[in-house]
C-alpha cells in the first residue's frame, strides 16, 4: 500500500520564504533522486508560520527510510536554524487520491 508522509515545520518569524524555498528545492530534487517518491505537495501558511510537505511513496518501508537518507539530513541541517521546535512527521496510509 502506498504511504503518505506529512512533514510539518514551524518557521521562526522572518524566515517563511527561506524555509519555503529550501523545502521546495529539496522536494523537487528528492523526487528525482528517490524513485519510490511518487508525488509531493509543498504548502504553507505565512500568517501561521507553517510550511508542510506531503509526499506519497510507493510503500511504507520506503517512506520510513527517508529519515536515514543523507540528502534528507543535509536538508534538516539547512532548515534547523530557521524553524522553531522539532518538525512533525506523520506516516499515513494512502486510501484514495484524485487529480485532474
C-alpha atoms as a PDB file:
ATOM      1  CA  UNK A   1       0.000   0.000   0.000  1.00  0.00           C
ATOM      2  CA  UNK A   2       1.209   3.494  -0.780  1.00  0.00           C
ATOM      3  CA  UNK A   3       2.267   5.633   2.164  1.00  0.00           C
ATOM      4  CA  UNK A   4       1.813   9.350   2.749  1.00  0.00           C
ATOM      5  CA  UNK A   5       4.344  11.312   4.758  1.00  0.00           C
ATOM      6  CA  UNK A   6       3.206  14.621   6.187  1.00  0.00           C
ATOM      7  CA  UNK A   7       6.170  16.704   7.384  1.00  0.00           C
ATOM      8  CA  UNK A   8       5.381  19.998   9.108  1.00  0.00           C
ATOM      9  CA  UNK A   9       7.766  22.798  10.062  1.00  0.00           C
ATOM     10  CA  UNK A  10       7.026  25.729  12.356  1.00  0.00           C
ATOM     11  CA  UNK A  11       9.007  28.628  10.965  1.00  0.00           C
ATOM     12  CA  UNK A  12      10.735  31.299  13.022  1.00  0.00           C
ATOM     13  CA  UNK A  13       9.443  34.811  12.332  1.00  0.00           C
ATOM     14  CA  UNK A  14      11.010  36.353   9.248  1.00  0.00           C
ATOM     15  CA  UNK A  15      12.112  33.050   7.701  1.00  0.00           C
ATOM     16  CA  UNK A  16       8.952  31.819   5.961  1.00  0.00           C
ATOM     17  CA  UNK A  17      10.204  32.451   2.421  1.00  0.00           C
ATOM     18  CA  UNK A  18      13.618  30.934   3.208  1.00  0.00           C
ATOM     19  CA  UNK A  19      12.074  27.727   4.541  1.00  0.00           C
ATOM     20  CA  UNK A  20       9.545  27.542   1.729  1.00  0.00           C
ATOM     21  CA  UNK A  21      12.327  27.904  -0.853  1.00  0.00           C
ATOM     22  CA  UNK A  22      14.550  25.296   0.824  1.00  0.00           C
ATOM     23  CA  UNK A  23      11.659  22.854   1.205  1.00  0.00           C
ATOM     24  CA  UNK A  24      10.556  23.300  -2.403  1.00  0.00           C
ATOM     25  CA  UNK A  25      14.096  22.794  -3.693  1.00  0.00           C
ATOM     26  CA  UNK A  26      14.545  19.709  -1.503  1.00  0.00           C
ATOM     27  CA  UNK A  27      11.232  18.177  -2.633  1.00  0.00           C
ATOM     28  CA  UNK A  28      11.922  18.797  -6.314  1.00  0.00           C
ATOM     29  CA  UNK A  29      15.413  17.309  -6.173  1.00  0.00           C
ATOM     30  CA  UNK A  30      14.401  14.409  -3.928  1.00  0.00           C
ATOM     31  CA  UNK A  31      11.681  13.402  -6.407  1.00  0.00           C
ATOM     32  CA  UNK A  32      14.461  12.943  -8.973  1.00  0.00           C
ATOM     33  CA  UNK A  33      16.721  11.022  -6.566  1.00  0.00           C
ATOM     34  CA  UNK A  34      14.198   8.663  -4.969  1.00  0.00           C
ATOM     35  CA  UNK A  35      12.170   6.510  -7.382  1.00  0.00           C
ATOM     36  CA  UNK A  36       9.848   5.444  -4.531  1.00  0.00           C
ATOM     37  CA  UNK A  37       8.612   9.039  -4.123  1.00  0.00           C
ATOM     38  CA  UNK A  38       5.564   9.295  -6.372  1.00  0.00           C
ATOM     39  CA  UNK A  39       4.346  12.836  -5.725  1.00  0.00           C
ATOM     40  CA  UNK A  40       4.896  15.806  -3.425  1.00  0.00           C
ATOM     41  CA  UNK A  41       2.915  18.857  -2.373  1.00  0.00           C
ATOM     42  CA  UNK A  42       4.601  21.699  -0.501  1.00  0.00           C
ATOM     43  CA  UNK A  43       2.101  24.027   1.150  1.00  0.00           C
ATOM     44  CA  UNK A  44       2.384  26.891   3.585  1.00  0.00           C
ATOM     45  CA  UNK A  45       0.617  29.477   5.652  1.00  0.00           C
ATOM     46  CA  UNK A  46       2.790  32.524   6.159  1.00  0.00           C
ATOM     47  CA  UNK A  47       0.477  34.020   8.793  1.00  0.00           C
ATOM     48  CA  UNK A  48       0.674  30.875  10.915  1.00  0.00           C
ATOM     49  CA  UNK A  49       4.376  30.334  10.177  1.00  0.00           C
ATOM     50  CA  UNK A  50       3.819  26.808   8.882  1.00  0.00           C
ATOM     51  CA  UNK A  51       5.390  25.007   5.931  1.00  0.00           C
ATOM     52  CA  UNK A  52       4.209  21.472   5.243  1.00  0.00           C
ATOM     53  CA  UNK A  53       5.232  18.826   2.756  1.00  0.00           C
ATOM     54  CA  UNK A  54       3.013  15.920   1.806  1.00  0.00           C
ATOM     55  CA  UNK A  55       4.765  13.129  -0.071  1.00  0.00           C
ATOM     56  CA  UNK A  56       3.355   9.906  -1.485  1.00  0.00           C
ATOM     57  CA  UNK A  57       5.671   6.899  -1.508  1.00  0.00           C
ATOM     58  CA  UNK A  58       5.253   3.505  -3.127  1.00  0.00           C
ATOM     59  CA  UNK A  59       5.255   1.701   0.214  1.00  0.00           C
ATOM     60  CA  UNK A  60       5.715   2.091   3.946  1.00  0.00           C
ATOM     61  CA  UNK A  61       9.344   0.903   4.117  1.00  0.00           C
ATOM     62  CA  UNK A  62      10.479   3.422   1.505  1.00  0.00           C
ATOM     63  CA  UNK A  63       8.679   6.251   3.317  1.00  0.00           C
ATOM     64  CA  UNK A  64      10.181   5.261   6.661  1.00  0.00           C
ATOM     65  CA  UNK A  65      13.714   5.063   5.210  1.00  0.00           C
ATOM     66  CA  UNK A  66      13.819   8.774   4.317  1.00  0.00           C
ATOM     67  CA  UNK A  67      14.938   9.726   7.833  1.00  0.00           C
ATOM     68  CA  UNK A  68      18.268   7.934   7.308  1.00  0.00           C
ATOM     69  CA  UNK A  69      18.904   9.420   3.848  1.00  0.00           C
ATOM     70  CA  UNK A  70      21.999  11.673   3.645  1.00  0.00           C
ATOM     71  CA  UNK A  71      20.218  14.150   1.351  1.00  0.00           C
ATOM     72  CA  UNK A  72      17.388  14.482   3.887  1.00  0.00           C
ATOM     73  CA  UNK A  73      19.964  15.032   6.644  1.00  0.00           C
ATOM     74  CA  UNK A  74      21.528  17.904   4.690  1.00  0.00           C
ATOM     75  CA  UNK A  75      18.065  19.456   4.260  1.00  0.00           C
ATOM     76  CA  UNK A  76      17.439  19.183   8.002  1.00  0.00           C
ATOM     77  CA  UNK A  77      20.796  20.837   8.742  1.00  0.00           C
ATOM     78  CA  UNK A  78      19.907  23.725   6.408  1.00  0.00           C
ATOM     79  CA  UNK A  79      16.493  24.425   7.941  1.00  0.00           C
ATOM     80  CA  UNK A  80      17.342  23.794  11.602  1.00  0.00           C
ATOM     81  CA  UNK A  81      18.281  27.416  12.409  1.00  0.00           C
ATOM     82  CA  UNK A  82      15.148  28.682  10.606  1.00  0.00           C
ATOM     83  CA  UNK A  83      12.492  26.657  12.451  1.00  0.00           C
ATOM     84  CA  UNK A  84      11.074  26.502  15.961  1.00  0.00           C
ATOM     85  CA  UNK A  85      10.903  23.187  17.761  1.00  0.00           C
ATOM     86  CA  UNK A  86      11.115  19.764  16.222  1.00  0.00           C
ATOM     87  CA  UNK A  87       9.449  19.047  12.886  1.00  0.00           C
ATOM     88  CA  UNK A  88       6.335  16.908  12.981  1.00  0.00           C
ATOM     89  CA  UNK A  89       6.486  13.794  10.775  1.00  0.00           C
ATOM     90  CA  UNK A  90       3.451  11.556  10.369  1.00  0.00           C
ATOM     91  CA  UNK A  91       3.112   8.393   8.254  1.00  0.00           C
ATOM     92  CA  UNK A  92      -0.372   7.721   6.896  1.00  0.00           C
ATOM     93  CA  UNK A  93      -1.884   5.048   4.630  1.00  0.00           C
ATOM     94  CA  UNK A  94      -2.980   6.389   1.271  1.00  0.00           C
ATOM     95  CA  UNK A  95      -6.643   5.448   0.968  1.00  0.00           C
ATOM     96  CA  UNK A  96      -7.808   7.445  -2.097  1.00  0.00           C
ATOM     97  CA  UNK A  97      -6.263  10.042  -4.390  1.00  0.00           C
ATOM     98  CA  UNK A  98      -7.926  12.074  -7.141  1.00  0.00           C
ATOM     99  CA  UNK A  99      -6.319  14.507  -9.550  1.00  0.00           C
ATOM    100  CA  UNK A 100      -7.311  16.191 -12.802  1.00  0.00           C
END
